[in-house]
Protein backbone atom coordinates (compact mmCIF):
# COMPACT_ATOMS: atom_id res chain seq x y z
CA MET A 1 0.00 0.00 0.00
CA SER A 2 1.36 3.41 -0.91
CA MET A 3 2.08 6.07 1.68
CA LYS A 4 -0.75 8.22 0.30
CA LEU A 5 -3.28 5.42 0.67
CA ARG A 6 -2.07 4.69 4.19
CA PHE A 7 -2.52 8.36 5.00
CA ALA A 8 -6.07 8.33 3.60
CA ALA A 9 -6.89 5.27 5.74
CA TYR A 10 -5.35 7.00 8.78
CA CYS A 11 -7.54 10.04 8.10
CA VAL A 12 -10.68 7.89 8.04
CA GLU A 13 -9.65 6.43 11.40
CA ILE A 14 -8.91 9.75 13.11
CA TYR A 15 -12.01 11.37 11.63
CA LYS A 16 -14.34 8.60 12.79
CA ALA A 17 -12.83 8.72 16.28
CA ALA A 18 -13.10 12.52 16.48
CA LYS A 19 -16.69 12.56 15.25
CA ASN A 20 -17.73 9.40 17.13
CA ILE A 21 -19.03 7.74 13.96
CA SER A 22 -18.45 4.38 12.33
CA GLY A 23 -15.77 3.74 9.75
CA LYS A 24 -18.51 3.07 7.22
CA GLU A 25 -20.07 6.47 7.91
CA ALA A 26 -16.70 8.24 7.71
CA TYR A 27 -16.01 6.50 4.39
CA ARG A 28 -19.42 7.60 3.08
CA ILE A 29 -18.79 11.21 4.12
CA PHE A 30 -15.34 11.21 2.54
CA SER A 31 -16.65 9.67 -0.67
CA GLU A 32 -19.64 11.98 -1.04
CA ASN A 33 -17.53 15.09 -0.39
CA ASN A 34 -14.46 14.19 -2.49
CA VAL A 35 -12.31 14.18 0.64
CA PHE A 36 -10.17 11.32 -0.65
CA ASN A 37 -9.15 13.41 -3.68
CA TYR A 38 -8.41 16.35 -1.38
CA LEU A 39 -6.26 14.19 0.88
CA LEU A 40 -4.29 12.74 -2.00
CA ASP A 41 -3.83 16.16 -3.63
CA CYS A 42 -2.69 17.78 -0.37
CA TRP A 43 -0.83 14.77 1.02
CA GLU A 44 2.58 16.42 1.09
CA ALA A 45 1.38 19.25 3.32
CA LEU A 46 -1.12 17.34 5.45
CA HIS A 47 0.84 14.21 6.32
CA THR A 48 3.24 16.28 8.41
CA THR A 49 0.53 17.85 10.55
CA GLY A 50 -1.18 16.53 13.63
CA ALA A 51 -4.52 14.79 13.80
CA GLU A 52 -6.43 17.83 15.05
CA TYR A 53 -5.14 20.02 12.22
CA THR A 54 -5.96 17.34 9.65
CA ILE A 55 -9.51 16.93 10.96
CA ASN A 56 -10.05 20.70 10.93
CA SER A 57 -8.67 20.85 7.40
CA ILE A 58 -11.09 18.16 6.26
CA ASP A 59 -14.02 19.96 7.89
CA LYS A 60 -13.02 23.26 6.22
CA PHE A 61 -12.67 21.54 2.86
CA MET A 62 -16.16 20.05 3.14
CA ALA A 63 -17.66 23.35 4.30
CA LYS A 64 -16.44 25.01 1.10
CA GLY A 65 -18.38 22.29 -0.74
């Protein structure tokens, strides 16, 4: 598995824990809001940040919708 895909999986895990939702629900949210594309496009910047920053970044990305 590539580093980018591992990061995307990590993001699903931290997001579901932060939002107290299931992995299935987090996956659905990411899929419906193109979050996976965002994570892969911004991987170089995001993979060096902490979980809280990454979660906030995901929420901001989705809010721009």
